Amino acid sequence: MKQSRFMSMVEAVTNVVVGYVLAIATQVVVFPWFGIEAGLAEHLTIGLAFVGVSLVRGYLLRRVFEAIRIGRAK
């Protein structure tokens, strides 16, 4: 069954949201190990800086793999 572009976007957004939450939690734990002081607002901003890139990456990779799958089915 072919995955629609909309469902590719839903998957990518879900992946990014889960990744964002995990990234913030990881930053809160790991930054102090390296002597990096950051408040919650800074952690959230740093995480947001990567959200757009992650969203585009996830969507494009899904579409590439979907195209490969469709190409092999022919």
PDB file of N, CA and C in Angstrom:
ATOM      1  N   MET A   1       0.838  -1.173   0.000  1.00  0.00           N
ATOM      2  CA  MET A   1       0.000   0.000   0.000  1.00  0.00           C
ATOM      3  C   MET A   1       0.886   1.239   0.000  1.00  0.00           C
ATOM      4  N   LYS A   2       0.538   2.206  -0.817  1.00  0.00           N
ATOM      5  CA  LYS A   2       1.296   3.448  -0.946  1.00  0.00           C
ATOM      6  C   LYS A   2       0.949   4.401   0.200  1.00  0.00           C
ATOM      7  N   GLN A   3       1.969   5.058   0.740  1.00  0.00           N
ATOM      8  CA  GLN A   3       1.742   6.057   1.782  1.00  0.00           C
ATOM      9  C   GLN A   3       1.507   7.412   1.117  1.00  0.00           C
ATOM     10  N   SER A   4       0.447   8.085   1.517  1.00  0.00           N
ATOM     11  CA  SER A   4       0.134   9.394   0.940  1.00  0.00           C
ATOM     12  C   SER A   4       1.123  10.442   1.430  1.00  0.00           C
ATOM     13  N   ARG A   5       1.207  11.543   0.698  1.00  0.00           N
ATOM     14  CA  ARG A   5       2.066  12.649   1.120  1.00  0.00           C
ATOM     15  C   ARG A   5       1.620  13.190   2.473  1.00  0.00           C
ATOM     16  N   PHE A   6       0.307  13.261   2.682  1.00  0.00           N
ATOM     17  CA  PHE A   6      -0.215  13.742   3.962  1.00  0.00           C
ATOM     18  C   PHE A   6       0.250  12.850   5.109  1.00  0.00           C
ATOM     19  N   MET A   7       0.151  11.544   4.931  1.00  0.00           N
ATOM     20  CA  MET A   7       0.577  10.630   5.992  1.00  0.00           C
ATOM     21  C   MET A   7       2.092  10.677   6.171  1.00  0.00           C
ATOM     22  N   SER A   8       2.841  10.934   5.104  1.00  0.00           N
ATOM     23  CA  SER A   8       4.284  11.137   5.248  1.00  0.00           C
ATOM     24  C   SER A   8       4.558  12.343   6.138  1.00  0.00           C
ATOM     25  N   MET A   9       3.777  13.409   5.946  1.00  0.00           N
ATOM     26  CA  MET A   9       3.945  14.607   6.765  1.00  0.00           C
ATOM     27  C   MET A   9       3.552  14.322   8.214  1.00  0.00           C
ATOM     28  N   VAL A  10       2.455  13.596   8.425  1.00  0.00           N
ATOM     29  CA  VAL A  10       2.033  13.247   9.786  1.00  0.00           C
ATOM     30  C   VAL A  10       3.133  12.437  10.478  1.00  0.00           C
ATOM     31  N   GLU A  11       3.691  11.485   9.765  1.00  0.00           N
ATOM     32  CA  GLU A  11       4.766  10.671  10.326  1.00  0.00           C
ATOM     33  C   GLU A  11       5.982  11.531  10.667  1.00  0.00           C
ATOM     34  N   ALA A  12       6.359  12.412   9.759  1.00  0.00           N
ATOM     35  CA  ALA A  12       7.518  13.273   9.983  1.00  0.00           C
ATOM     36  C   ALA A  12       7.291  14.205  11.167  1.00  0.00           C
ATOM     37  N   VAL A  13       6.109  14.789  11.269  1.00  0.00           N
ATOM     38  CA  VAL A  13       5.807  15.697  12.378  1.00  0.00           C
ATOM     39  C   VAL A  13       5.843  14.937  13.707  1.00  0.00           C
ATOM     40  N   THR A  14       5.255  13.759  13.741  1.00  0.00           N
ATOM     41  CA  THR A  14       5.268  12.944  14.952  1.00  0.00           C
ATOM     42  C   THR A  14       6.696  12.610  15.357  1.00  0.00           C
ATOM     43  N   ASN A  15       7.500  12.229  14.389  1.00  0.00           N
ATOM     44  CA  ASN A  15       8.900  11.906  14.642  1.00  0.00           C
ATOM     45  C   ASN A  15       9.636  13.112  15.220  1.00  0.00           C
ATOM     46  N   VAL A  16       9.400  14.292  14.657  1.00  0.00           N
ATOM     47  CA  VAL A  16      10.080  15.500  15.112  1.00  0.00           C
ATOM     48  C   VAL A  16       9.624  15.887  16.521  1.00  0.00           C
ATOM     49  N   VAL A  17       8.336  15.789  16.797  1.00  0.00           N
ATOM     50  CA  VAL A  17       7.819  16.149  18.130  1.00  0.00           C
ATOM     51  C   VAL A  17       8.424  15.226  19.190  1.00  0.00           C
ATOM     52  N   VAL A  18       8.417  13.935  18.932  1.00  0.00           N
ATOM     53  CA  VAL A  18       9.005  12.985  19.879  1.00  0.00           C
ATOM     54  C   VAL A  18      10.500  13.254  20.029  1.00  0.00           C
ATOM     55  N   GLY A  19      11.174  13.490  18.912  1.00  0.00           N
ATOM     56  CA  GLY A  19      12.602  13.802  18.950  1.00  0.00           C
ATOM     57  C   GLY A  19      12.891  15.079  19.710  1.00  0.00           C
ATOM     58  N   TYR A  20      12.034  16.092  19.550  1.00  0.00           N
ATOM     59  CA  TYR A  20      12.206  17.373  20.240  1.00  0.00           C
ATOM     60  C   TYR A  20      12.121  17.188  21.754  1.00  0.00           C
ATOM     61  N   VAL A  21      11.122  16.461  22.195  1.00  0.00           N
ATOM     62  CA  VAL A  21      10.961  16.215  23.635  1.00  0.00           C
ATOM     63  C   VAL A  21      12.171  15.454  24.177  1.00  0.00           C
ATOM     64  N   LEU A  22      12.613  14.436  23.461  1.00  0.00           N
ATOM     65  CA  LEU A  22      13.789  13.672  23.899  1.00  0.00           C
ATOM     66  C   LEU A  22      15.050  14.532  23.878  1.00  0.00           C
ATOM     67  N   ALA A  23      15.178  15.400  22.877  1.00  0.00           N
ATOM     68  CA  ALA A  23      16.353  16.268  22.787  1.00  0.00           C
ATOM     69  C   ALA A  23      16.412  17.227  23.967  1.00  0.00           C
ATOM     70  N   ILE A  24      15.280  17.821  24.317  1.00  0.00           N
ATOM     71  CA  ILE A  24      15.246  18.749  25.454  1.00  0.00           C
ATOM     72  C   ILE A  24      15.637  18.012  26.732  1.00  0.00           C
ATOM     73  N   ALA A  25      15.061  16.839  26.940  1.00  0.00           N
ATOM     74  CA  ALA A  25      15.391  16.055  28.137  1.00  0.00           C
ATOM     75  C   ALA A  25      16.877  15.692  28.151  1.00  0.00           C
ATOM     76  N   THR A  26      17.413  15.321  27.010  1.00  0.00           N
ATOM     77  CA  THR A  26      18.832  14.973  26.919  1.00  0.00           C
ATOM     78  C   THR A  26      19.715  16.179  27.192  1.00  0.00           C
ATOM     79  N   GLN A  27      19.363  17.338  26.624  1.00  0.00           N
ATOM     80  CA  GLN A  27      20.135  18.555  26.861  1.00  0.00           C
ATOM     81  C   GLN A  27      20.164  18.901  28.344  1.00  0.00           C
ATOM     82  N   VAL A  28      19.016  18.801  29.003  1.00  0.00           N
ATOM     83  CA  VAL A  28      18.923  19.140  30.423  1.00  0.00           C
ATOM     84  C   VAL A  28      19.866  18.255  31.244  1.00  0.00           C
ATOM     85  N   VAL A  29      20.016  17.007  30.847  1.00  0.00           N
ATOM     86  CA  VAL A  29      20.889  16.081  31.575  1.00  0.00           C
ATOM     87  C   VAL A  29      22.351  16.231  31.156  1.00  0.00           C
ATOM     88  N   VAL A  30      22.613  16.331  29.849  1.00  0.00           N
ATOM     89  CA  VAL A  30      23.984  16.265  29.335  1.00  0.00           C
ATOM     90  C   VAL A  30      24.733  17.597  29.408  1.00  0.00           C
ATOM     91  N   PHE A  31      24.066  18.711  29.154  1.00  0.00           N
ATOM     92  CA  PHE A  31      24.759  20.001  29.158  1.00  0.00           C
ATOM     93  C   PHE A  31      25.573  20.232  30.426  1.00  0.00           C
ATOM     94  N   PRO A  32      25.016  19.980  31.609  1.00  0.00           N
ATOM     95  CA  PRO A  32      25.804  20.210  32.831  1.00  0.00           C
ATOM     96  C   PRO A  32      27.081  19.362  32.909  1.00  0.00           C
ATOM     97  N   TRP A  33      27.081  18.188  32.295  1.00  0.00           N
ATOM     98  CA  TRP A  33      28.284  17.353  32.291  1.00  0.00           C
ATOM     99  C   TRP A  33      29.444  18.062  31.594  1.00  0.00           C
ATOM    100  N   PHE A  34      29.115  18.954  30.651  1.00  0.00           N
ATOM    101  CA  PHE A  34      30.129  19.685  29.895  1.00  0.00           C
ATOM    102  C   PHE A  34      30.271  21.126  30.364  1.00  0.00           C
ATOM    103  N   GLY A  35      29.664  21.433  31.480  1.00  0.00           N
ATOM    104  CA  GLY A  35      29.773  22.773  32.038  1.00  0.00           C
ATOM    105  C   GLY A  35      28.981  23.823  31.281  1.00  0.00           C
ATOM    106  N   ILE A  36      27.993  23.400  30.527  1.00  0.00           N
ATOM    107  CA  ILE A  36      27.163  24.334  29.771  1.00  0.00           C
ATOM    108  C   ILE A  36      25.950  24.694  30.621  1.00  0.00           C
ATOM    109  N   GLU A  37      25.844  25.971  30.922  1.00  0.00           N
ATOM    110  CA  GLU A  37      24.716  26.458  31.709  1.00  0.00           C
ATOM    111  C   GLU A  37      23.643  26.978  30.758  1.00  0.00           C
ATOM    112  N   ALA A  38      22.456  26.463  30.855  1.00  0.00           N
ATOM    113  CA  ALA A  38      21.345  26.930  30.016  1.00  0.00           C
ATOM    114  C   ALA A  38      20.048  26.773  30.794  1.00  0.00           C
ATOM    115  N   GLY A  39      19.214  27.789  30.694  1.00  0.00           N
ATOM    116  CA  GLY A  39      17.893  27.716  31.310  1.00  0.00           C
ATOM    117  C   GLY A  39      16.929  26.991  30.390  1.00  0.00           C
ATOM    118  N   LEU A  40      15.727  26.765  30.896  1.00  0.00           N
ATOM    119  CA  LEU A  40      14.723  26.050  30.098  1.00  0.00           C
ATOM    120  C   LEU A  40      14.429  26.776  28.792  1.00  0.00           C
ATOM    121  N   ALA A  41      14.347  28.103  28.842  1.00  0.00           N
ATOM    122  CA  ALA A  41      14.065  28.870  27.624  1.00  0.00           C
ATOM    123  C   ALA A  41      15.156  28.646  26.570  1.00  0.00           C
ATOM    124  N   GLU A  42      16.404  28.609  27.017  1.00  0.00           N
ATOM    125  CA  GLU A  42      17.510  28.359  26.076  1.00  0.00           C
ATOM    126  C   GLU A  42      17.439  26.943  25.512  1.00  0.00           C
ATOM    127  N   HIS A  43      17.126  25.983  26.363  1.00  0.00           N
ATOM    128  CA  HIS A  43      16.997  24.598  25.881  1.00  0.00           C
ATOM    129  C   HIS A  43      15.895  24.501  24.823  1.00  0.00           C
ATOM    130  N   LEU A  44      14.766  25.140  25.089  1.00  0.00           N
ATOM    131  CA  LEU A  44      13.650  25.098  24.137  1.00  0.00           C
ATOM    132  C   LEU A  44      14.024  25.779  22.831  1.00  0.00           C
ATOM    133  N   THR A  45      14.741  26.899  22.915  1.00  0.00           N
ATOM    134  CA  THR A  45      15.147  27.626  21.704  1.00  0.00           C
ATOM    135  C   THR A  45      16.155  26.828  20.888  1.00  0.00           C
ATOM    136  N   ILE A  46      17.131  26.236  21.566  1.00  0.00           N
ATOM    137  CA  ILE A  46      18.122  25.407  20.869  1.00  0.00           C
ATOM    138  C   ILE A  46      17.410  24.252  20.151  1.00  0.00           C
ATOM    139  N   GLY A  47      16.483  23.624  20.845  1.00  0.00           N
ATOM    140  CA  GLY A  47      15.728  22.524  20.237  1.00  0.00           C
ATOM    141  C   GLY A  47      14.928  22.981  19.027  1.00  0.00           C
ATOM    142  N   LEU A  48      14.296  24.153  19.139  1.00  0.00           N
ATOM    143  CA  LEU A  48      13.510  24.673  18.014  1.00  0.00           C
ATOM    144  C   LEU A  48      14.366  24.979  16.788  1.00  0.00           C
ATOM    145  N   ALA A  49      15.619  25.340  17.017  1.00  0.00           N
ATOM    146  CA  ALA A  49      16.511  25.645  15.903  1.00  0.00           C
ATOM    147  C   ALA A  49      16.674  24.444  14.968  1.00  0.00           C
ATOM    148  N   PHE A  50      16.521  23.259  15.517  1.00  0.00           N
ATOM    149  CA  PHE A  50      16.701  22.041  14.725  1.00  0.00           C
ATOM    150  C   PHE A  50      15.394  21.403  14.258  1.00  0.00           C
ATOM    151  N   VAL A  51      14.271  21.893  14.735  1.00  0.00           N
ATOM    152  CA  VAL A  51      12.987  21.283  14.392  1.00  0.00           C
ATOM    153  C   VAL A  51      12.705  21.359  12.892  1.00  0.00           C
ATOM    154  N   GLY A  52      12.892  22.518  12.303  1.00  0.00           N
ATOM    155  CA  GLY A  52      12.627  22.671  10.861  1.00  0.00           C
ATOM    156  C   GLY A  52      13.472  21.732  10.024  1.00  0.00           C
ATOM    157  N   VAL A  53      14.753  21.667  10.344  1.00  0.00           N
ATOM    158  CA  VAL A  53      15.654  20.777   9.602  1.00  0.00           C
ATOM    159  C   VAL A  53      15.223  19.324   9.777  1.00  0.00           C
ATOM    160  N   SER A  54      14.886  18.947  10.988  1.00  0.00           N
ATOM    161  CA  SER A  54      14.461  17.571  11.242  1.00  0.00           C
ATOM    162  C   SER A  54      13.172  17.232  10.513  1.00  0.00           C
ATOM    163  N   LEU A  55      12.245  18.183  10.483  1.00  0.00           N
ATOM    164  CA  LEU A  55      10.980  17.954   9.804  1.00  0.00           C
ATOM    165  C   LEU A  55      11.188  17.740   8.310  1.00  0.00           C
ATOM    166  N   VAL A  56      11.959  18.604   7.698  1.00  0.00           N
ATOM    167  CA  VAL A  56      12.241  18.482   6.263  1.00  0.00           C
ATOM    168  C   VAL A  56      12.994  17.194   5.980  1.00  0.00           C
ATOM    169  N   ARG A  57      13.997  16.882   6.792  1.00  0.00           N
ATOM    170  CA  ARG A  57      14.771  15.654   6.611  1.00  0.00           C
ATOM    171  C   ARG A  57      13.877  14.422   6.673  1.00  0.00           C
ATOM    172  N   GLY A  58      13.038  14.348   7.697  1.00  0.00           N
ATOM    173  CA  GLY A  58      12.166  13.181   7.853  1.00  0.00           C
ATOM    174  C   GLY A  58      11.193  13.024   6.700  1.00  0.00           C
ATOM    175  N   TYR A  59      10.605  14.136   6.270  1.00  0.00           N
ATOM    176  CA  TYR A  59       9.650  14.095   5.166  1.00  0.00           C
ATOM    177  C   TYR A  59      10.334  13.667   3.876  1.00  0.00           C
ATOM    178  N   LEU A  60      11.472  14.283   3.564  1.00  0.00           N
ATOM    179  CA  LEU A  60      12.170  13.960   2.312  1.00  0.00           C
ATOM    180  C   LEU A  60      12.670  12.518   2.297  1.00  0.00           C
ATOM    181  N   LEU A  61      13.201  12.057   3.412  1.00  0.00           N
ATOM    182  CA  LEU A  61      13.647  10.663   3.448  1.00  0.00           C
ATOM    183  C   LEU A  61      12.492   9.696   3.256  1.00  0.00           C
ATOM    184  N   ARG A  62      11.351   9.992   3.877  1.00  0.00           N
ATOM    185  CA  ARG A  62      10.169   9.143   3.701  1.00  0.00           C
ATOM    186  C   ARG A  62       9.766   9.108   2.235  1.00  0.00           C
ATOM    187  N   ARG A  63       9.757  10.267   1.571  1.00  0.00           N
ATOM    188  CA  ARG A  63       9.364  10.330   0.164  1.00  0.00           C
ATOM    189  C   ARG A  63      10.371   9.582  -0.717  1.00  0.00           C
ATOM    190  N   VAL A  64      11.665   9.690  -0.409  1.00  0.00           N
ATOM    191  CA  VAL A  64      12.690   8.969  -1.172  1.00  0.00           C
ATOM    192  C   VAL A  64      12.470   7.460  -1.038  1.00  0.00           C
ATOM    193  N   PHE A  65      12.281   7.011   0.171  1.00  0.00           N
ATOM    194  CA  PHE A  65      12.081   5.571   0.371  1.00  0.00           C
ATOM    195  C   PHE A  65      10.765   5.093  -0.233  1.00  0.00           C
ATOM    196  N   GLU A  66       9.761   5.944  -0.217  1.00  0.00           N
ATOM    197  CA  GLU A  66       8.497   5.584  -0.859  1.00  0.00           C
ATOM    198  C   GLU A  66       8.682   5.474  -2.371  1.00  0.00           C
ATOM    199  N   ALA A  67       9.453   6.394  -2.946  1.00  0.00           N
ATOM    200  CA  ALA A  67       9.733   6.333  -4.384  1.00  0.00           C
ATOM    201  C   ALA A  67      10.532   5.081  -4.739  1.00  0.00           C
ATOM    202  N   ILE A  68      11.474   4.712  -3.890  1.00  0.00           N
ATOM    203  CA  ILE A  68      12.243   3.480  -4.120  1.00  0.00           C
ATOM    204  C   ILE A  68      11.305   2.276  -4.065  1.00  0.00           C
ATOM    205  N   ARG A  69      10.423   2.261  -3.074  1.00  0.00           N
ATOM    206  CA  ARG A  69       9.490   1.136  -2.934  1.00  0.00           C
ATOM    207  C   ARG A  69       8.585   1.032  -4.144  1.00  0.00           C
ATOM    208  N   ILE A  70       8.058   2.154  -4.603  1.00  0.00           N
ATOM    209  CA  ILE A  70       7.174   2.164  -5.773  1.00  0.00           C
ATOM    210  C   ILE A  70       7.945   1.743  -7.020  1.00  0.00           C
ATOM    211  N   GLY A  71       9.192   2.219  -7.137  1.00  0.00           N
ATOM    212  CA  GLY A  71      10.010   1.849  -8.292  1.00  0.00           C
ATOM    213  C   GLY A  71      10.294   0.353  -8.371  1.00  0.00           C
ATOM    214  N   ARG A  72      10.476  -0.270  -7.240  1.00  0.00           N
ATOM    215  CA  ARG A  72      10.737  -1.711  -7.214  1.00  0.00           C
ATOM    216  C   ARG A  72       9.489  -2.524  -7.501  1.00  0.00           C
ATOM    217  N   ALA A  73       8.325  -1.937  -7.219  1.00  0.00           N
ATOM    218  CA  ALA A  73       7.065  -2.652  -7.428  1.00  0.00           C
ATOM    219  C   ALA A  73       6.690  -2.725  -8.906  1.00  0.00           C
ATOM    220  N   LYS A  74       7.284  -1.869  -9.718  1.00  0.00           N
ATOM    221  CA  LYS A  74       6.941  -1.852 -11.162  1.00  0.00           C
ATOM    222  C   LYS A  74       7.579  -2.976 -11.910  1.00  0.00           C
TER     223      LYS A  74
END
